[in-house]
N, C-alpha and C. Protein backbone atom coordinates (compact mmCIF):
# COMPACT_ATOMS: atom_id res chain seq x y z
N MET A 1 43.75 3.26 -14.14
CA MET A 1 43.63 3.36 -15.58
C MET A 1 44.99 3.60 -16.24
N ALA A 2 45.85 4.39 -15.59
CA ALA A 2 47.16 4.68 -16.16
C ALA A 2 47.98 3.41 -16.31
N CYS A 3 47.85 2.46 -15.38
CA CYS A 3 48.58 1.21 -15.47
C CYS A 3 48.13 0.40 -16.68
N ALA A 4 46.84 0.36 -16.93
CA ALA A 4 46.32 -0.40 -18.07
C ALA A 4 46.88 0.15 -19.38
N ILE A 5 46.94 1.45 -19.48
CA ILE A 5 47.48 2.08 -20.69
C ILE A 5 48.96 1.75 -20.84
N ARG A 6 49.71 1.82 -19.74
CA ARG A 6 51.14 1.49 -19.79
C ARG A 6 51.35 0.05 -20.21
N ILE A 7 50.52 -0.87 -19.70
CA ILE A 7 50.67 -2.28 -20.03
C ILE A 7 50.38 -2.53 -21.51
N VAL A 8 49.34 -1.90 -22.03
CA VAL A 8 49.01 -2.06 -23.45
C VAL A 8 50.13 -1.50 -24.31
N LEU A 9 50.64 -0.33 -23.94
CA LEU A 9 51.76 0.24 -24.71
C LEU A 9 53.00 -0.63 -24.60
N GLY A 10 53.25 -1.21 -23.43
CA GLY A 10 54.38 -2.13 -23.25
C GLY A 10 54.22 -3.37 -24.12
N LEU A 11 53.00 -3.90 -24.18
CA LEU A 11 52.71 -5.06 -25.00
C LEU A 11 53.00 -4.77 -26.47
N LEU A 12 52.47 -3.64 -26.95
CA LEU A 12 52.67 -3.27 -28.36
C LEU A 12 54.13 -2.96 -28.67
N GLY A 13 54.77 -2.20 -27.78
CA GLY A 13 56.17 -1.85 -28.00
C GLY A 13 57.07 -3.07 -27.95
N GLY A 14 56.81 -3.98 -27.00
CA GLY A 14 57.61 -5.20 -26.90
C GLY A 14 57.43 -6.10 -28.11
N ALA A 15 56.18 -6.22 -28.58
CA ALA A 15 55.92 -7.04 -29.76
C ALA A 15 56.64 -6.46 -30.98
N ALA A 16 56.59 -5.14 -31.12
CA ALA A 16 57.28 -4.50 -32.24
C ALA A 16 58.79 -4.71 -32.13
N GLY A 17 59.31 -4.59 -30.92
CA GLY A 17 60.75 -4.82 -30.72
C GLY A 17 61.13 -6.26 -31.05
N GLY A 18 60.30 -7.22 -30.64
CA GLY A 18 60.56 -8.62 -30.98
C GLY A 18 60.56 -8.86 -32.47
N TYR A 19 59.63 -8.23 -33.16
CA TYR A 19 59.56 -8.37 -34.61
C TYR A 19 60.82 -7.81 -35.27
N VAL A 20 61.24 -6.61 -34.82
CA VAL A 20 62.44 -5.98 -35.40
C VAL A 20 63.66 -6.86 -35.16
N LEU A 21 63.80 -7.40 -33.94
CA LEU A 21 64.94 -8.26 -33.65
C LEU A 21 64.92 -9.52 -34.51
N SER A 22 63.74 -10.06 -34.76
CA SER A 22 63.66 -11.26 -35.60
C SER A 22 64.07 -10.97 -37.03
N ARG A 23 63.92 -9.74 -37.46
CA ARG A 23 64.31 -9.35 -38.82
C ARG A 23 65.81 -9.06 -38.91
N LEU A 24 66.42 -8.64 -37.80
CA LEU A 24 67.82 -8.21 -37.84
C LEU A 24 68.81 -9.30 -37.44
N LEU A 25 68.44 -10.18 -36.52
CA LEU A 25 69.37 -11.17 -35.98
C LEU A 25 69.20 -12.52 -36.67
N CYS A 26 70.29 -13.17 -36.95
CA CYS A 26 70.29 -14.54 -37.49
C CYS A 26 69.32 -14.72 -38.64
N ILE A 27 69.43 -13.88 -39.62
CA ILE A 27 68.52 -13.92 -40.76
C ILE A 27 68.65 -15.26 -41.51
N GLY A 28 69.81 -15.84 -41.48
CA GLY A 28 70.01 -17.09 -42.21
C GLY A 28 69.33 -18.29 -41.58
N GLY A 29 68.74 -18.14 -40.38
CA GLY A 29 68.03 -19.25 -39.78
C GLY A 29 68.88 -20.07 -38.83
N GLY A 30 70.10 -19.64 -38.55
CA GLY A 30 70.98 -20.41 -37.67
C GLY A 30 70.63 -20.29 -36.20
N CYS A 31 69.87 -19.26 -35.81
CA CYS A 31 69.49 -19.08 -34.40
C CYS A 31 68.05 -19.55 -34.24
N PRO A 32 67.80 -20.54 -33.40
CA PRO A 32 66.45 -21.11 -33.32
C PRO A 32 65.39 -20.15 -32.77
N ILE A 33 65.76 -19.22 -31.90
CA ILE A 33 64.75 -18.34 -31.33
C ILE A 33 64.51 -17.13 -32.24
N THR A 34 65.58 -16.45 -32.61
CA THR A 34 65.39 -15.21 -33.36
C THR A 34 64.93 -15.44 -34.79
N SER A 35 65.13 -16.62 -35.31
CA SER A 35 64.65 -16.87 -36.67
C SER A 35 63.16 -17.23 -36.67
N ASN A 36 62.59 -17.48 -35.51
CA ASN A 36 61.16 -17.78 -35.40
C ASN A 36 60.43 -16.48 -35.06
N ARG A 37 59.92 -15.82 -36.10
CA ARG A 37 59.33 -14.49 -35.95
C ARG A 37 58.15 -14.47 -34.97
N PRO A 38 57.18 -15.39 -35.04
CA PRO A 38 56.06 -15.35 -34.07
C PRO A 38 56.54 -15.52 -32.62
N LEU A 39 57.52 -16.36 -32.42
CA LEU A 39 58.05 -16.55 -31.07
C LEU A 39 58.72 -15.28 -30.56
N MET A 40 59.46 -14.60 -31.40
CA MET A 40 60.12 -13.35 -31.00
C MET A 40 59.10 -12.26 -30.69
N VAL A 41 58.02 -12.21 -31.44
CA VAL A 41 56.96 -11.24 -31.16
C VAL A 41 56.36 -11.51 -29.78
N LEU A 42 56.09 -12.78 -29.47
CA LEU A 42 55.54 -13.14 -28.16
C LEU A 42 56.52 -12.85 -27.03
N VAL A 43 57.77 -13.19 -27.21
CA VAL A 43 58.79 -12.92 -26.19
C VAL A 43 58.92 -11.41 -25.96
N GLY A 44 58.98 -10.66 -27.04
CA GLY A 44 59.07 -9.20 -26.93
C GLY A 44 57.86 -8.61 -26.22
N ALA A 45 56.67 -9.11 -26.56
CA ALA A 45 55.45 -8.62 -25.91
C ALA A 45 55.48 -8.92 -24.42
N GLY A 46 55.93 -10.11 -24.06
CA GLY A 46 56.03 -10.48 -22.64
C GLY A 46 56.98 -9.57 -21.88
N PHE A 47 58.14 -9.32 -22.45
CA PHE A 47 59.10 -8.41 -21.80
C PHE A 47 58.53 -7.00 -21.71
N GLY A 48 57.84 -6.56 -22.74
CA GLY A 48 57.23 -5.23 -22.72
C GLY A 48 56.22 -5.09 -21.60
N VAL A 49 55.38 -6.11 -21.41
CA VAL A 49 54.38 -6.07 -20.33
C VAL A 49 55.07 -6.07 -18.98
N LEU A 50 56.10 -6.90 -18.81
CA LEU A 50 56.83 -6.93 -17.53
C LEU A 50 57.44 -5.57 -17.19
N LEU A 51 58.07 -4.96 -18.15
CA LEU A 51 58.69 -3.66 -17.90
C LEU A 51 57.64 -2.58 -17.64
N ALA A 52 56.55 -2.61 -18.39
CA ALA A 52 55.52 -1.57 -18.24
C ALA A 52 54.76 -1.69 -16.93
N SER A 53 54.60 -2.89 -16.41
CA SER A 53 53.81 -3.07 -15.19
C SER A 53 54.63 -2.91 -13.93
N GLY A 54 55.88 -2.56 -14.04
CA GLY A 54 56.76 -2.43 -12.87
C GLY A 54 56.28 -1.44 -11.84
N GLY A 55 55.65 -0.35 -12.22
CA GLY A 55 55.20 0.65 -11.26
C GLY A 55 53.77 0.49 -10.82
N CYS A 56 53.10 -0.54 -11.31
CA CYS A 56 51.69 -0.75 -10.95
C CYS A 56 51.62 -1.54 -9.65
N SER A 57 50.64 -1.21 -8.84
CA SER A 57 50.49 -1.86 -7.55
C SER A 57 49.08 -2.41 -7.40
N ALA A 58 48.98 -3.64 -6.92
CA ALA A 58 47.66 -4.22 -6.65
C ALA A 58 47.01 -3.53 -5.47
N ILE A 59 47.80 -2.94 -4.59
CA ILE A 59 47.26 -2.31 -3.39
C ILE A 59 46.51 -1.04 -3.76
N SER A 60 47.09 -0.23 -4.59
CA SER A 60 46.46 1.05 -4.90
C SER A 60 45.94 1.10 -6.33
N GLY A 61 45.97 -0.02 -7.03
CA GLY A 61 45.50 -0.02 -8.42
C GLY A 61 46.44 0.73 -9.34
N GLY A 62 47.67 1.00 -8.88
CA GLY A 62 48.64 1.70 -9.70
C GLY A 62 48.51 3.20 -9.62
N GLU A 63 47.41 3.70 -9.13
CA GLU A 63 47.20 5.13 -9.03
C GLU A 63 47.74 5.60 -7.68
N LYS A 64 48.37 6.74 -7.67
CA LYS A 64 48.90 7.28 -6.42
C LYS A 64 47.79 8.00 -5.66
N VAL A 65 47.63 7.61 -4.40
CA VAL A 65 46.65 8.23 -3.52
C VAL A 65 47.44 8.86 -2.39
N HIS A 66 47.19 10.12 -2.11
CA HIS A 66 47.90 10.79 -1.02
C HIS A 66 46.92 11.62 -0.21
N ALA A 67 47.24 11.73 1.06
CA ALA A 67 46.45 12.59 1.94
C ALA A 67 47.33 13.73 2.40
N GLY A 68 46.77 14.90 2.45
CA GLY A 68 47.48 16.04 3.02
C GLY A 68 48.34 16.80 2.04
N LYS A 69 48.76 17.94 2.51
CA LYS A 69 49.60 18.83 1.72
C LYS A 69 51.04 18.35 1.78
N LEU A 70 51.73 18.40 0.65
CA LEU A 70 53.12 17.97 0.56
C LEU A 70 54.04 19.01 1.18
N ILE A 71 54.87 18.57 2.10
CA ILE A 71 55.88 19.42 2.74
C ILE A 71 57.23 19.03 2.16
N THR A 72 58.02 20.01 1.69
CA THR A 72 59.27 19.68 1.01
C THR A 72 60.52 20.22 1.69
N SER A 73 60.37 21.05 2.72
CA SER A 73 61.57 21.63 3.35
C SER A 73 61.34 21.84 4.84
N PRO A 74 62.42 21.92 5.61
CA PRO A 74 62.28 22.21 7.04
C PRO A 74 61.59 23.55 7.30
N GLU A 75 61.85 24.54 6.46
CA GLU A 75 61.23 25.85 6.63
C GLU A 75 59.71 25.77 6.44
N GLN A 76 59.30 25.05 5.42
CA GLN A 76 57.87 24.87 5.17
C GLN A 76 57.23 24.08 6.30
N PHE A 77 57.94 23.09 6.84
CA PHE A 77 57.42 22.29 7.96
C PHE A 77 57.15 23.20 9.16
N ARG A 78 58.12 24.05 9.49
CA ARG A 78 57.93 24.95 10.64
C ARG A 78 56.78 25.92 10.40
N ALA A 79 56.69 26.46 9.19
CA ALA A 79 55.66 27.46 8.90
C ALA A 79 54.25 26.86 8.84
N GLU A 80 54.12 25.66 8.33
CA GLU A 80 52.78 25.12 8.12
C GLU A 80 52.33 24.11 9.16
N VAL A 81 53.27 23.42 9.79
CA VAL A 81 52.88 22.40 10.78
C VAL A 81 53.02 22.95 12.20
N LEU A 82 54.15 23.56 12.51
CA LEU A 82 54.43 23.95 13.89
C LEU A 82 53.83 25.30 14.28
N GLU A 83 53.99 26.31 13.44
CA GLU A 83 53.57 27.67 13.81
C GLU A 83 52.07 27.84 13.97
N PRO A 84 51.23 27.26 13.11
CA PRO A 84 49.80 27.47 13.32
C PRO A 84 49.29 26.89 14.64
N GLY A 85 49.95 25.86 15.15
CA GLY A 85 49.58 25.30 16.44
C GLY A 85 48.31 24.47 16.44
N LYS A 86 47.72 24.25 15.29
CA LYS A 86 46.50 23.44 15.25
C LYS A 86 46.89 21.97 15.17
N PRO A 87 46.02 21.07 15.63
CA PRO A 87 46.35 19.64 15.57
C PRO A 87 46.71 19.22 14.15
N ALA A 88 47.77 18.44 14.04
CA ALA A 88 48.25 18.03 12.72
C ALA A 88 48.84 16.63 12.79
N VAL A 89 48.77 15.94 11.68
CA VAL A 89 49.44 14.64 11.51
C VAL A 89 50.30 14.74 10.27
N VAL A 90 51.53 14.22 10.38
CA VAL A 90 52.48 14.25 9.27
C VAL A 90 52.84 12.81 8.93
N ASP A 91 52.66 12.46 7.66
CA ASP A 91 52.94 11.13 7.15
C ASP A 91 54.26 11.19 6.37
N PHE A 92 55.31 10.55 6.91
CA PHE A 92 56.58 10.41 6.21
C PHE A 92 56.48 9.12 5.40
N TYR A 93 56.63 9.21 4.08
CA TYR A 93 56.39 8.08 3.18
C TYR A 93 57.36 8.11 2.01
N ALA A 94 57.27 7.07 1.17
CA ALA A 94 57.97 7.03 -0.12
C ALA A 94 57.06 6.32 -1.11
N ASP A 95 57.09 6.73 -2.35
CA ASP A 95 56.23 6.15 -3.37
C ASP A 95 56.52 4.66 -3.62
N ASN A 96 57.75 4.23 -3.40
CA ASN A 96 58.10 2.84 -3.68
C ASN A 96 57.92 1.92 -2.46
N CYS A 97 57.26 2.39 -1.43
CA CYS A 97 57.05 1.63 -0.19
C CYS A 97 55.66 1.00 -0.19
N GLY A 98 55.60 -0.33 -0.11
CA GLY A 98 54.33 -1.04 -0.14
C GLY A 98 53.42 -0.67 1.01
N ALA A 99 53.96 -0.62 2.23
CA ALA A 99 53.14 -0.27 3.40
C ALA A 99 52.64 1.17 3.29
N CYS A 100 53.44 2.05 2.69
CA CYS A 100 53.02 3.44 2.49
C CYS A 100 51.85 3.51 1.53
N ARG A 101 51.92 2.74 0.44
CA ARG A 101 50.81 2.72 -0.53
C ARG A 101 49.56 2.12 0.09
N GLN A 102 49.73 1.18 1.00
CA GLN A 102 48.59 0.57 1.67
C GLN A 102 47.96 1.55 2.65
N LEU A 103 48.77 2.36 3.31
CA LEU A 103 48.29 3.32 4.29
C LEU A 103 47.66 4.56 3.64
N ALA A 104 48.10 4.91 2.45
CA ALA A 104 47.66 6.15 1.80
C ALA A 104 46.15 6.29 1.68
N PRO A 105 45.39 5.28 1.22
CA PRO A 105 43.94 5.47 1.14
C PRO A 105 43.28 5.60 2.51
N VAL A 106 43.87 4.97 3.51
CA VAL A 106 43.36 5.11 4.89
C VAL A 106 43.52 6.55 5.35
N MET A 107 44.69 7.11 5.09
CA MET A 107 44.95 8.50 5.48
C MET A 107 44.05 9.47 4.70
N ALA A 108 43.81 9.17 3.43
CA ALA A 108 42.93 10.03 2.62
C ALA A 108 41.50 10.01 3.17
N ALA A 109 41.03 8.85 3.59
CA ALA A 109 39.69 8.76 4.17
C ALA A 109 39.62 9.50 5.51
N LEU A 110 40.68 9.37 6.32
CA LEU A 110 40.70 10.06 7.62
C LEU A 110 40.78 11.57 7.43
N GLU A 111 41.48 12.01 6.39
CA GLU A 111 41.57 13.45 6.11
C GLU A 111 40.17 14.01 5.84
N LYS A 112 39.36 13.29 5.10
CA LYS A 112 37.99 13.73 4.84
C LYS A 112 37.16 13.70 6.11
N GLU A 113 37.34 12.66 6.91
CA GLU A 113 36.58 12.49 8.14
C GLU A 113 36.90 13.58 9.17
N TYR A 114 38.16 13.99 9.24
CA TYR A 114 38.60 14.98 10.23
C TYR A 114 38.82 16.36 9.61
N ALA A 115 38.21 16.62 8.48
CA ALA A 115 38.37 17.91 7.79
C ALA A 115 37.97 19.06 8.72
N GLY A 116 38.82 20.07 8.78
CA GLY A 116 38.56 21.24 9.61
C GLY A 116 38.97 21.06 11.07
N LYS A 117 39.27 19.83 11.47
CA LYS A 117 39.68 19.56 12.86
C LYS A 117 41.16 19.28 12.97
N VAL A 118 41.68 18.50 12.03
CA VAL A 118 43.09 18.10 12.03
C VAL A 118 43.67 18.40 10.66
N ALA A 119 44.85 19.00 10.63
CA ALA A 119 45.54 19.26 9.36
C ALA A 119 46.39 18.04 9.01
N PHE A 120 46.33 17.62 7.76
CA PHE A 120 47.10 16.46 7.29
C PHE A 120 48.20 16.94 6.37
N PHE A 121 49.41 16.43 6.62
CA PHE A 121 50.57 16.76 5.80
C PHE A 121 51.30 15.48 5.45
N ARG A 122 52.14 15.55 4.41
CA ARG A 122 52.94 14.40 4.02
C ARG A 122 54.32 14.86 3.59
N VAL A 123 55.30 14.01 3.85
CA VAL A 123 56.69 14.29 3.48
C VAL A 123 57.22 13.09 2.72
N ASP A 124 57.58 13.30 1.46
CA ASP A 124 58.18 12.25 0.64
C ASP A 124 59.66 12.17 1.03
N THR A 125 60.04 11.10 1.73
CA THR A 125 61.40 10.99 2.26
C THR A 125 62.44 10.90 1.16
N ALA A 126 62.04 10.45 -0.03
CA ALA A 126 62.98 10.37 -1.14
C ALA A 126 63.30 11.75 -1.69
N ARG A 127 62.36 12.68 -1.60
CA ARG A 127 62.56 14.02 -2.14
C ARG A 127 62.97 15.04 -1.09
N ALA A 128 62.62 14.77 0.16
CA ALA A 128 62.92 15.71 1.25
C ALA A 128 63.79 15.00 2.29
N GLY A 129 64.94 14.53 1.84
CA GLY A 129 65.85 13.79 2.71
C GLY A 129 66.32 14.58 3.91
N ALA A 130 66.56 15.88 3.74
CA ALA A 130 67.02 16.70 4.87
C ALA A 130 65.95 16.75 5.96
N LEU A 131 64.72 16.87 5.57
CA LEU A 131 63.62 16.92 6.54
C LEU A 131 63.46 15.56 7.23
N ALA A 132 63.57 14.49 6.48
CA ALA A 132 63.50 13.14 7.06
C ALA A 132 64.65 12.92 8.04
N ASP A 133 65.84 13.38 7.67
CA ASP A 133 67.00 13.27 8.58
C ASP A 133 66.79 14.09 9.84
N GLU A 134 66.27 15.29 9.69
CA GLU A 134 66.03 16.17 10.84
C GLU A 134 65.07 15.51 11.84
N HIS A 135 64.13 14.75 11.32
CA HIS A 135 63.15 14.07 12.19
C HIS A 135 63.57 12.65 12.55
N ARG A 136 64.77 12.28 12.11
CA ARG A 136 65.32 10.95 12.39
C ARG A 136 64.38 9.83 11.95
N ILE A 137 63.89 9.95 10.74
CA ILE A 137 63.00 8.94 10.18
C ILE A 137 63.86 7.79 9.68
N ARG A 138 63.64 6.61 10.23
CA ARG A 138 64.41 5.42 9.85
C ARG A 138 63.53 4.37 9.19
N TYR A 139 62.24 4.41 9.47
CA TYR A 139 61.29 3.45 8.92
C TYR A 139 60.11 4.21 8.33
N ILE A 140 59.58 3.69 7.24
CA ILE A 140 58.41 4.31 6.64
C ILE A 140 57.34 3.26 6.43
N PRO A 141 56.10 3.65 6.47
CA PRO A 141 55.62 4.98 6.83
C PRO A 141 55.79 5.26 8.32
N THR A 142 56.02 6.52 8.62
CA THR A 142 56.07 7.00 10.00
C THR A 142 55.07 8.14 10.11
N LEU A 143 54.25 8.09 11.15
CA LEU A 143 53.29 9.16 11.41
C LEU A 143 53.69 9.89 12.67
N GLU A 144 53.73 11.22 12.57
CA GLU A 144 53.98 12.08 13.74
C GLU A 144 52.76 12.95 13.94
N PHE A 145 52.42 13.18 15.21
CA PHE A 145 51.24 13.96 15.57
C PHE A 145 51.68 15.22 16.29
N TYR A 146 51.06 16.36 15.97
CA TYR A 146 51.45 17.64 16.55
C TYR A 146 50.22 18.36 17.11
N ARG A 147 50.45 19.02 18.22
CA ARG A 147 49.42 19.86 18.84
C ARG A 147 50.14 21.04 19.48
N ASP A 148 49.62 22.25 19.27
CA ASP A 148 50.21 23.47 19.82
C ASP A 148 51.69 23.60 19.47
N GLY A 149 52.05 23.19 18.24
CA GLY A 149 53.41 23.35 17.76
C GLY A 149 54.42 22.36 18.31
N LYS A 150 53.96 21.35 19.06
CA LYS A 150 54.87 20.36 19.63
C LYS A 150 54.39 18.96 19.28
N GLN A 151 55.35 18.05 19.20
CA GLN A 151 54.98 16.67 18.93
C GLN A 151 54.14 16.14 20.08
N HIS A 152 53.07 15.46 19.73
CA HIS A 152 52.11 14.95 20.71
C HIS A 152 52.16 13.43 20.72
N GLY A 153 52.60 12.84 21.81
CA GLY A 153 52.68 11.38 21.91
C GLY A 153 53.81 10.81 21.08
N GLN A 154 53.85 9.51 21.03
CA GLN A 154 54.89 8.81 20.30
C GLN A 154 54.53 8.73 18.81
N ARG A 155 55.54 8.76 17.99
CA ARG A 155 55.34 8.53 16.56
C ARG A 155 55.00 7.05 16.37
N ILE A 156 54.35 6.75 15.28
CA ILE A 156 54.04 5.36 14.98
C ILE A 156 54.56 5.02 13.59
N THR A 157 54.98 3.78 13.41
CA THR A 157 55.55 3.37 12.13
C THR A 157 54.79 2.16 11.59
N GLY A 158 54.86 2.00 10.29
CA GLY A 158 54.22 0.87 9.63
C GLY A 158 52.75 1.12 9.36
N TYR A 159 52.13 0.15 8.73
CA TYR A 159 50.70 0.25 8.43
C TYR A 159 49.93 0.24 9.74
N GLN A 160 48.89 1.07 9.82
CA GLN A 160 48.09 1.17 11.03
C GLN A 160 46.62 0.92 10.71
N ASP A 161 45.95 0.25 11.62
CA ASP A 161 44.52 0.00 11.50
C ASP A 161 43.77 1.34 11.56
N PRO A 162 42.79 1.54 10.70
CA PRO A 162 42.05 2.82 10.71
C PRO A 162 41.42 3.15 12.06
N ASP A 163 40.91 2.15 12.77
CA ASP A 163 40.30 2.41 14.09
C ASP A 163 41.34 2.88 15.09
N ASP A 164 42.55 2.31 15.03
CA ASP A 164 43.63 2.76 15.92
C ASP A 164 44.01 4.21 15.61
N LEU A 165 44.04 4.54 14.33
CA LEU A 165 44.36 5.92 13.95
C LEU A 165 43.26 6.88 14.40
N ARG A 166 42.01 6.48 14.30
CA ARG A 166 40.90 7.33 14.79
C ARG A 166 41.06 7.60 16.29
N ARG A 167 41.37 6.55 17.06
CA ARG A 167 41.58 6.74 18.50
C ARG A 167 42.73 7.72 18.75
N ARG A 168 43.78 7.59 17.97
CA ARG A 168 44.93 8.48 18.13
C ARG A 168 44.56 9.92 17.76
N LEU A 169 43.81 10.09 16.69
CA LEU A 169 43.39 11.44 16.29
C LEU A 169 42.42 12.05 17.30
N ASP A 170 41.52 11.23 17.84
CA ASP A 170 40.59 11.73 18.87
C ASP A 170 41.36 12.18 20.11
N ALA A 171 42.39 11.41 20.51
CA ALA A 171 43.23 11.79 21.66
C ALA A 171 43.98 13.09 21.36
N LEU A 172 44.42 13.24 20.12
CA LEU A 172 45.11 14.48 19.72
C LEU A 172 44.18 15.67 19.84
N LEU A 173 42.95 15.50 19.43
CA LEU A 173 41.97 16.60 19.52
C LEU A 173 41.64 16.96 20.96
N LYS A 174 41.58 15.96 21.85
CA LYS A 174 41.27 16.20 23.26
C LYS A 174 42.49 16.72 24.03
N GLY A 175 43.68 16.50 23.47
CA GLY A 175 44.90 16.92 24.15
C GLY A 175 45.40 15.90 25.14
N ASP A 176 44.88 14.67 25.06
CA ASP A 176 45.30 13.59 25.97
C ASP A 176 46.70 13.10 25.65
């Protein structure tokens, strides 16, 4: 819904900007584009829609979907992921990453499915660069799995099939 509002506001703002430019530039009629007021309104509206829709995604409908508690520092990571020792999955992501946006609803569904069994956390690599560097994150999304305060198995990168993630979470719970 937020994307639709942004697009409508972009349309209106762009149209208004086109109208203002048509009134200010080449008033004498020497410029073929700016002297044509309806054309400038349409061009402005088009640019407004393009600029406003820049953050909207067909994958997530423009709305941000996230699973798990946001971790922002190495200290918080140690206190909330490692020290409790309960099974956990950490999603290293960025808001501008297409594969991350595609994976986010899958992780949100798995968080509900494994509620009370596995703790879900997320780290925004753009905001928590030190933590991403500490974990040597080079590709996103990257998922790390923890059990008893230690990394369990290999990390996985990129979009993952929900069934593959379920198998991985089940193995984490069994300690395999």
